[in-house]
Amino acid sequence: MIAKPPPAFLPGRPDRVRISFSVLLRLVEDDGFVLFDAPKRPGAFGPPGGVVKYFPPAGRILESLGFQPERTGSPQRKLRADLRGILPAGALRRFRVWFASGAYRETADECLRRELCEELAEVGIHGLDEVVSELKFTSVRTIQEGPHSVPGKNYRQLRGFDVRELAMTNSAARRLNRTLADAATDDAYPGVLLAGFDDIAHGRLDRALIAPQSAFLLGPARLAPDLPPLR
């Protein structure tokens, strides 16, 4: 008798879809891109940014769609109100309509400003909150992946990545860009690095792994599978 494979290796269930919508910041210095150490994936570096959050009125809308928020993550970085979790497949069309409306959720710019304040502190760069509040951004590209099956998971997955870059229209943008470019080449800030096109395509720079979503800084194609996060 042939043993059945364990549940972890069954195909993704068509009735469950994991969603995750993020904003990434492309910061270019010469031929390199500024990347930050990722707390959920120690030793891996990716673009500044993170998952879009929703506001309290959206909680009722998402609850009516059967949304189950994802609750993994370290105690230091809670995932409250993140647009990351499981939806019934039948609710996906209505979710897309709501997301596209922009109602009761962060804009891309709001998400980036919040994430930058958090992540700058994590990599040891302080005193720039006022600078961050003055930043504006322009769109580079928007990528949607899926929904498709995920090896080893019992769901399909739909992800969106909104890639933005600094609008270099004021002194705040120039100051942030200069500060991060300097930090990326300063040993005093090991949580910041500058990675070139070839480094991102290869997925490693010296001892540092480069998170696969970094490829979206270069173009719309993913070049490597995901790295598993901390639980």
C-alpha atoms as a PDB file:
ATOM      1  CA  MET A   1       0.000   0.000   0.000  1.00  0.00           C
ATOM      2  CA  ILE A   2       1.375   3.410  -0.996  1.00  0.00           C
ATOM      3  CA  ALA A   3       1.399   5.903   1.865  1.00  0.00           C
ATOM      4  CA  LYS A   4      -0.350   9.196   1.288  1.00  0.00           C
ATOM      5  CA  PRO A   5       1.821  12.334   1.407  1.00  0.00           C
ATOM      6  CA  PRO A   6       1.546  14.430   4.568  1.00  0.00           C
ATOM      7  CA  PRO A   7      -0.940  17.330   4.440  1.00  0.00           C
ATOM      8  CA  ALA A   8       1.862  19.898   4.143  1.00  0.00           C
ATOM      9  CA  PHE A   9       2.556  18.640   0.621  1.00  0.00           C
ATOM     10  CA  LEU A  10      -1.003  18.623  -0.680  1.00  0.00           C
ATOM     11  CA  PRO A  11      -1.864  21.033  -3.514  1.00  0.00           C
ATOM     12  CA  GLY A  12      -3.180  24.474  -2.545  1.00  0.00           C
ATOM     13  CA  ARG A  13      -6.882  24.418  -1.730  1.00  0.00           C
ATOM     14  CA  PRO A  14      -8.879  26.308  -4.370  1.00  0.00           C
ATOM     15  CA  ASP A  15     -11.299  27.585  -1.705  1.00  0.00           C
ATOM     16  CA  ARG A  16      -8.661  29.475   0.329  1.00  0.00           C
ATOM     17  CA  VAL A  17      -6.488  32.355  -0.864  1.00  0.00           C
ATOM     18  CA  ARG A  18      -3.736  34.006   1.136  1.00  0.00           C
ATOM     19  CA  ILE A  19      -3.475  37.704   0.310  1.00  0.00           C
ATOM     20  CA  SER A  20      -0.650  40.143   0.982  1.00  0.00           C
ATOM     21  CA  PHE A  21      -0.328  43.689  -0.380  1.00  0.00           C
ATOM     22  CA  SER A  22       2.898  45.629   0.135  1.00  0.00           C
ATOM     23  CA  VAL A  23       4.649  48.833  -0.869  1.00  0.00           C
ATOM     24  CA  LEU A  24       8.390  48.835  -1.628  1.00  0.00           C
ATOM     25  CA  LEU A  25      10.707  51.828  -1.865  1.00  0.00           C
ATOM     26  CA  ARG A  26      13.328  51.950  -4.612  1.00  0.00           C
ATOM     27  CA  LEU A  27      16.293  54.041  -3.452  1.00  0.00           C
ATOM     28  CA  VAL A  28      19.037  54.244  -6.075  1.00  0.00           C
ATOM     29  CA  GLU A  29      22.594  55.430  -5.480  1.00  0.00           C
ATOM     30  CA  ASP A  30      24.940  55.245  -8.469  1.00  0.00           C
ATOM     31  CA  ASP A  31      24.376  51.676  -9.724  1.00  0.00           C
ATOM     32  CA  GLY A  32      23.169  50.277  -6.395  1.00  0.00           C
ATOM     33  CA  PHE A  33      19.928  49.936  -4.481  1.00  0.00           C
ATOM     34  CA  VAL A  34      19.589  50.639  -0.756  1.00  0.00           C
ATOM     35  CA  LEU A  35      18.360  47.566   1.165  1.00  0.00           C
ATOM     36  CA  PHE A  36      17.511  47.103   4.846  1.00  0.00           C
ATOM     37  CA  ASP A  37      17.979  44.107   7.111  1.00  0.00           C
ATOM     38  CA  ALA A  38      14.631  42.319   7.466  1.00  0.00           C
ATOM     39  CA  PRO A  39      13.717  41.496  11.099  1.00  0.00           C
ATOM     40  CA  LYS A  40      11.402  38.652  10.042  1.00  0.00           C
ATOM     41  CA  ARG A  41      14.166  37.104   7.924  1.00  0.00           C
ATOM     42  CA  PRO A  42      17.431  37.651   9.839  1.00  0.00           C
ATOM     43  CA  GLY A  43      20.439  37.857   7.566  1.00  0.00           C
ATOM     44  CA  ALA A  44      18.307  38.802   4.540  1.00  0.00           C
ATOM     45  CA  PHE A  45      18.065  42.315   3.121  1.00  0.00           C
ATOM     46  CA  GLY A  46      15.206  43.823   1.148  1.00  0.00           C
ATOM     47  CA  PRO A  47      13.795  47.172   0.065  1.00  0.00           C
ATOM     48  CA  PRO A  48      12.409  49.535   2.694  1.00  0.00           C
ATOM     49  CA  GLY A  49       8.634  49.240   2.950  1.00  0.00           C
ATOM     50  CA  GLY A  50       6.083  46.731   4.096  1.00  0.00           C
ATOM     51  CA  VAL A  51       2.505  45.554   4.193  1.00  0.00           C
ATOM     52  CA  VAL A  52      -0.369  48.016   3.780  1.00  0.00           C
ATOM     53  CA  LYS A  53      -2.527  48.457   6.901  1.00  0.00           C
ATOM     54  CA  TYR A  54      -6.280  48.935   7.033  1.00  0.00           C
ATOM     55  CA  PHE A  55      -8.238  51.260   9.311  1.00  0.00           C
ATOM     56  CA  PRO A  56     -10.956  50.206  11.814  1.00  0.00           C
ATOM     57  CA  PRO A  57     -13.978  50.724   9.492  1.00  0.00           C
ATOM     58  CA  ALA A  58     -12.409  48.262   7.042  1.00  0.00           C
ATOM     59  CA  GLY A  59     -12.366  45.613   9.767  1.00  0.00           C
ATOM     60  CA  ARG A  60     -16.119  45.152   9.417  1.00  0.00           C
ATOM     61  CA  ILE A  61     -15.867  44.953   5.629  1.00  0.00           C
ATOM     62  CA  LEU A  62     -13.089  42.370   5.755  1.00  0.00           C
ATOM     63  CA  GLU A  63     -14.913  40.386   8.434  1.00  0.00           C
ATOM     64  CA  SER A  64     -17.980  40.224   6.175  1.00  0.00           C
ATOM     65  CA  LEU A  65     -15.728  38.771   3.441  1.00  0.00           C
ATOM     66  CA  GLY A  66     -14.491  36.037   5.792  1.00  0.00           C
ATOM     67  CA  PHE A  67     -10.985  37.475   6.097  1.00  0.00           C
ATOM     68  CA  GLN A  68      -8.731  35.746   8.653  1.00  0.00           C
ATOM     69  CA  PRO A  69      -5.737  37.969   9.509  1.00  0.00           C
ATOM     70  CA  GLU A  70      -2.322  36.424   9.743  1.00  0.00           C
ATOM     71  CA  ARG A  71      -1.018  36.483  13.309  1.00  0.00           C
ATOM     72  CA  THR A  72       2.522  35.169  12.964  1.00  0.00           C
ATOM     73  CA  GLY A  73       5.524  37.345  13.692  1.00  0.00           C
ATOM     74  CA  SER A  74       7.751  38.369  16.569  1.00  0.00           C
ATOM     75  CA  PRO A  75       6.224  40.096  19.606  1.00  0.00           C
ATOM     76  CA  GLN A  76       8.332  43.160  18.775  1.00  0.00           C
ATOM     77  CA  ARG A  77       6.680  43.612  15.376  1.00  0.00           C
ATOM     78  CA  LYS A  78       2.977  42.845  15.596  1.00  0.00           C
ATOM     79  CA  LEU A  79       0.938  42.359  12.446  1.00  0.00           C
ATOM     80  CA  ARG A  80      -2.181  44.160  13.649  1.00  0.00           C
ATOM     81  CA  ALA A  81      -4.357  45.495  10.817  1.00  0.00           C
ATOM     82  CA  ASP A  82      -2.018  44.221   8.097  1.00  0.00           C
ATOM     83  CA  LEU A  83      -3.571  43.360   4.752  1.00  0.00           C
ATOM     84  CA  ARG A  84      -2.138  39.878   5.015  1.00  0.00           C
ATOM     85  CA  GLY A  85      -4.232  36.817   5.724  1.00  0.00           C
ATOM     86  CA  ILE A  86      -6.647  34.228   4.337  1.00  0.00           C
ATOM     87  CA  LEU A  87      -9.809  34.873   2.324  1.00  0.00           C
ATOM     88  CA  PRO A  88     -12.418  32.452   0.988  1.00  0.00           C
ATOM     89  CA  ALA A  89     -11.855  32.239  -2.761  1.00  0.00           C
ATOM     90  CA  GLY A  90     -15.464  33.252  -3.396  1.00  0.00           C
ATOM     91  CA  ALA A  91     -14.823  36.625  -1.732  1.00  0.00           C
ATOM     92  CA  LEU A  92     -11.773  37.482  -3.829  1.00  0.00           C
ATOM     93  CA  ARG A  93     -13.598  39.550  -6.454  1.00  0.00           C
ATOM     94  CA  ARG A  94     -15.302  41.678  -3.783  1.00  0.00           C
ATOM     95  CA  PHE A  95     -11.986  42.116  -1.992  1.00  0.00           C
ATOM     96  CA  ARG A  96     -10.353  43.357  -5.196  1.00  0.00           C
ATOM     97  CA  VAL A  97     -13.142  45.902  -5.680  1.00  0.00           C
ATOM     98  CA  TRP A  98     -12.750  47.161  -2.118  1.00  0.00           C
ATOM     99  CA  PHE A  99      -8.940  47.346  -2.328  1.00  0.00           C
ATOM    100  CA  ALA A 100      -9.053  49.227  -5.625  1.00  0.00           C
ATOM    101  CA  SER A 101     -11.416  51.783  -4.080  1.00  0.00           C
ATOM    102  CA  GLY A 102      -8.760  52.743  -1.507  1.00  0.00           C
ATOM    103  CA  ALA A 103     -11.421  53.066   1.202  1.00  0.00           C
ATOM    104  CA  TYR A 104     -10.325  52.703   4.847  1.00  0.00           C
ATOM    105  CA  ARG A 105      -6.771  51.646   4.114  1.00  0.00           C
ATOM    106  CA  GLU A 106      -3.374  53.264   3.823  1.00  0.00           C
ATOM    107  CA  THR A 107      -2.290  54.831   0.572  1.00  0.00           C
ATOM    108  CA  ALA A 108       1.103  53.764  -0.766  1.00  0.00           C
ATOM    109  CA  ASP A 109       2.638  56.999   0.503  1.00  0.00           C
ATOM    110  CA  GLU A 110       1.140  56.611   3.986  1.00  0.00           C
ATOM    111  CA  CYS A 111       2.408  53.045   4.166  1.00  0.00           C
ATOM    112  CA  LEU A 112       5.931  54.042   3.160  1.00  0.00           C
ATOM    113  CA  ARG A 113       6.122  56.939   5.626  1.00  0.00           C
ATOM    114  CA  ARG A 114       4.992  54.699   8.511  1.00  0.00           C
ATOM    115  CA  GLU A 115       7.312  51.861   7.541  1.00  0.00           C
ATOM    116  CA  LEU A 116      10.287  54.181   7.094  1.00  0.00           C
ATOM    117  CA  CYS A 117       9.861  55.599  10.598  1.00  0.00           C
ATOM    118  CA  GLU A 118       9.829  52.056  12.007  1.00  0.00           C
ATOM    119  CA  GLU A 119      12.621  50.647   9.854  1.00  0.00           C
ATOM    120  CA  LEU A 120      15.017  53.574  10.180  1.00  0.00           C
ATOM    121  CA  ALA A 121      14.954  53.047  13.947  1.00  0.00           C
ATOM    122  CA  GLU A 122      15.502  49.297  13.481  1.00  0.00           C
ATOM    123  CA  VAL A 123      18.679  49.869  11.436  1.00  0.00           C
ATOM    124  CA  GLY A 124      19.968  52.470  13.894  1.00  0.00           C
ATOM    125  CA  ILE A 125      19.265  55.693  11.986  1.00  0.00           C
ATOM    126  CA  HIS A 126      17.474  58.188  14.209  1.00  0.00           C
ATOM    127  CA  GLY A 127      16.227  61.757  14.067  1.00  0.00           C
ATOM    128  CA  LEU A 128      14.622  61.640  10.620  1.00  0.00           C
ATOM    129  CA  ASP A 129      10.923  61.387  11.539  1.00  0.00           C
ATOM    130  CA  GLU A 130      10.288  64.998  10.555  1.00  0.00           C
ATOM    131  CA  VAL A 131      12.100  64.429   7.264  1.00  0.00           C
ATOM    132  CA  VAL A 132      10.003  61.333   6.541  1.00  0.00           C
ATOM    133  CA  SER A 133       6.763  63.237   7.113  1.00  0.00           C
ATOM    134  CA  GLU A 134       7.680  65.599   4.242  1.00  0.00           C
ATOM    135  CA  LEU A 135       8.488  62.899   1.697  1.00  0.00           C
ATOM    136  CA  LYS A 136       6.555  62.364  -1.514  1.00  0.00           C
ATOM    137  CA  PHE A 137       6.809  59.400  -3.850  1.00  0.00           C
ATOM    138  CA  THR A 138       6.229  58.548  -7.486  1.00  0.00           C
ATOM    139  CA  SER A 139       5.082  55.234  -8.938  1.00  0.00           C
ATOM    140  CA  VAL A 140       7.585  52.885 -10.569  1.00  0.00           C
ATOM    141  CA  ARG A 141       5.445  49.783 -11.183  1.00  0.00           C
ATOM    142  CA  THR A 142       2.704  47.641  -9.675  1.00  0.00           C
ATOM    143  CA  ILE A 143       2.980  43.849  -9.693  1.00  0.00           C
ATOM    144  CA  GLN A 144       0.316  41.287  -8.850  1.00  0.00           C
ATOM    145  CA  GLU A 145       1.203  37.624  -8.458  1.00  0.00           C
ATOM    146  CA  GLY A 146      -1.437  34.916  -8.493  1.00  0.00           C
ATOM    147  CA  PRO A 147      -3.567  33.564  -7.184  1.00  0.00           C
ATOM    148  CA  HIS A 148      -1.476  30.423  -7.573  1.00  0.00           C
ATOM    149  CA  SER A 149      -0.557  27.358  -5.539  1.00  0.00           C
ATOM    150  CA  VAL A 150       2.293  27.546  -3.034  1.00  0.00           C
ATOM    151  CA  PRO A 151       4.441  24.430  -2.480  1.00  0.00           C
ATOM    152  CA  GLY A 152       3.878  22.987   0.978  1.00  0.00           C
ATOM    153  CA  LYS A 153       0.880  25.237   1.782  1.00  0.00           C
ATOM    154  CA  ASN A 154      -2.841  24.445   1.818  1.00  0.00           C
ATOM    155  CA  TYR A 155      -3.898  27.650   0.083  1.00  0.00           C
ATOM    156  CA  ARG A 156      -3.376  29.598  -3.106  1.00  0.00           C
ATOM    157  CA  GLN A 157      -1.731  32.998  -2.872  1.00  0.00           C
ATOM    158  CA  LEU A 158      -2.384  36.477  -4.271  1.00  0.00           C
ATOM    159  CA  ARG A 159       0.195  39.186  -3.648  1.00  0.00           C
ATOM    160  CA  GLY A 160       0.530  42.776  -4.753  1.00  0.00           C
ATOM    161  CA  PHE A 161       3.687  44.907  -4.743  1.00  0.00           C
ATOM    162  CA  ASP A 162       3.520  48.648  -5.347  1.00  0.00           C
ATOM    163  CA  VAL A 163       7.037  49.899  -6.095  1.00  0.00           C
ATOM    164  CA  ARG A 164       7.650  53.615  -5.472  1.00  0.00           C
ATOM    165  CA  GLU A 165      10.639  55.930  -5.489  1.00  0.00           C
ATOM    166  CA  LEU A 166      11.403  59.240  -3.833  1.00  0.00           C
ATOM    167  CA  ALA A 167      10.188  62.361  -5.582  1.00  0.00           C
ATOM    168  CA  MET A 168      13.389  64.403  -5.391  1.00  0.00           C
ATOM    169  CA  THR A 169      11.484  67.674  -5.155  1.00  0.00           C
ATOM    170  CA  ASN A 170      12.490  68.933  -1.722  1.00  0.00           C
ATOM    171  CA  SER A 171      15.344  68.968   0.753  1.00  0.00           C
ATOM    172  CA  ALA A 172      13.750  66.199   2.830  1.00  0.00           C
ATOM    173  CA  ALA A 173      14.041  63.689  -0.029  1.00  0.00           C
ATOM    174  CA  ARG A 174      17.620  64.699  -0.777  1.00  0.00           C
ATOM    175  CA  ARG A 175      18.592  64.435   2.886  1.00  0.00           C
ATOM    176  CA  LEU A 176      17.069  60.974   3.311  1.00  0.00           C
ATOM    177  CA  ASN A 177      18.644  59.697   0.103  1.00  0.00           C
ATOM    178  CA  ARG A 178      22.086  61.008   1.117  1.00  0.00           C
ATOM    179  CA  THR A 179      21.803  59.669   4.673  1.00  0.00           C
ATOM    180  CA  LEU A 180      20.883  56.162   3.527  1.00  0.00           C
ATOM    181  CA  ALA A 181      23.486  56.076   0.763  1.00  0.00           C
ATOM    182  CA  ASP A 182      26.152  57.035   3.319  1.00  0.00           C
ATOM    183  CA  ALA A 183      24.873  54.477   5.864  1.00  0.00           C
ATOM    184  CA  ALA A 184      24.993  51.708   3.249  1.00  0.00           C
ATOM    185  CA  THR A 185      28.778  52.126   2.973  1.00  0.00           C
ATOM    186  CA  ASP A 186      29.406  52.694   6.691  1.00  0.00           C
ATOM    187  CA  ASP A 187      30.303  49.704   8.892  1.00  0.00           C
ATOM    188  CA  ALA A 188      28.554  51.443  11.780  1.00  0.00           C
ATOM    189  CA  TYR A 189      25.217  50.578  10.112  1.00  0.00           C
ATOM    190  CA  PRO A 190      25.300  46.832   9.367  1.00  0.00           C
ATOM    191  CA  GLY A 191      21.548  46.851   8.774  1.00  0.00           C
ATOM    192  CA  VAL A 192      21.892  48.890   5.576  1.00  0.00           C
ATOM    193  CA  LEU A 193      23.640  47.830   2.393  1.00  0.00           C
ATOM    194  CA  LEU A 194      23.962  48.843  -1.242  1.00  0.00           C
ATOM    195  CA  ALA A 195      23.315  46.018  -3.718  1.00  0.00           C
ATOM    196  CA  GLY A 196      23.880  46.150  -7.459  1.00  0.00           C
ATOM    197  CA  PHE A 197      21.819  44.581 -10.237  1.00  0.00           C
ATOM    198  CA  ASP A 198      24.004  41.465 -10.339  1.00  0.00           C
ATOM    199  CA  ASP A 199      23.857  41.062  -6.545  1.00  0.00           C
ATOM    200  CA  ILE A 200      20.067  41.148  -6.566  1.00  0.00           C
ATOM    201  CA  ALA A 201      19.891  38.732  -9.493  1.00  0.00           C
ATOM    202  CA  HIS A 202      22.308  36.375  -7.715  1.00  0.00           C
ATOM    203  CA  GLY A 203      20.454  36.658  -4.389  1.00  0.00           C
ATOM    204  CA  ARG A 204      23.486  37.312  -2.208  1.00  0.00           C
ATOM    205  CA  LEU A 205      26.054  39.990  -1.451  1.00  0.00           C
ATOM    206  CA  ASP A 206      28.987  38.555   0.505  1.00  0.00           C
ATOM    207  CA  ARG A 207      27.373  36.981   3.619  1.00  0.00           C
ATOM    208  CA  ALA A 208      24.054  38.778   3.184  1.00  0.00           C
ATOM    209  CA  LEU A 209      21.106  37.102   1.516  1.00  0.00           C
ATOM    210  CA  ILE A 210      18.979  39.373  -0.669  1.00  0.00           C
ATOM    211  CA  ALA A 211      15.221  38.950  -0.265  1.00  0.00           C
ATOM    212  CA  PRO A 212      13.526  37.866  -3.517  1.00  0.00           C
ATOM    213  CA  GLN A 213      11.118  40.835  -3.611  1.00  0.00           C
ATOM    214  CA  SER A 214      14.185  43.015  -4.238  1.00  0.00           C
ATOM    215  CA  ALA A 215      13.958  41.866  -7.862  1.00  0.00           C
ATOM    216  CA  PHE A 216      10.903  44.099  -8.294  1.00  0.00           C
ATOM    217  CA  LEU A 217      13.232  47.093  -7.989  1.00  0.00           C
ATOM    218  CA  LEU A 218      14.704  45.951 -11.313  1.00  0.00           C
ATOM    219  CA  GLY A 219      11.581  44.854 -13.183  1.00  0.00           C
ATOM    220  CA  PRO A 220       8.261  42.993 -12.926  1.00  0.00           C
ATOM    221  CA  ALA A 221       9.709  39.459 -12.724  1.00  0.00           C
ATOM    222  CA  ARG A 222      10.541  37.475  -9.583  1.00  0.00           C
ATOM    223  CA  LEU A 223      13.956  35.819  -9.834  1.00  0.00           C
ATOM    224  CA  ALA A 224      13.851  33.468  -6.821  1.00  0.00           C
ATOM    225  CA  PRO A 225      11.323  31.851  -4.447  1.00  0.00           C
ATOM    226  CA  ASP A 226      10.525  33.336  -1.057  1.00  0.00           C
ATOM    227  CA  LEU A 227      12.696  32.952   2.011  1.00  0.00           C
ATOM    228  CA  PRO A 228      10.728  31.573   4.992  1.00  0.00           C
ATOM    229  CA  PRO A 229      10.014  34.170   7.718  1.00  0.00           C
ATOM    230  CA  LEU A 230      10.362  33.664  11.443  1.00  0.00           C
ATOM    231  CA  ARG A 231       7.224  32.214  12.999  1.00  0.00           C
END
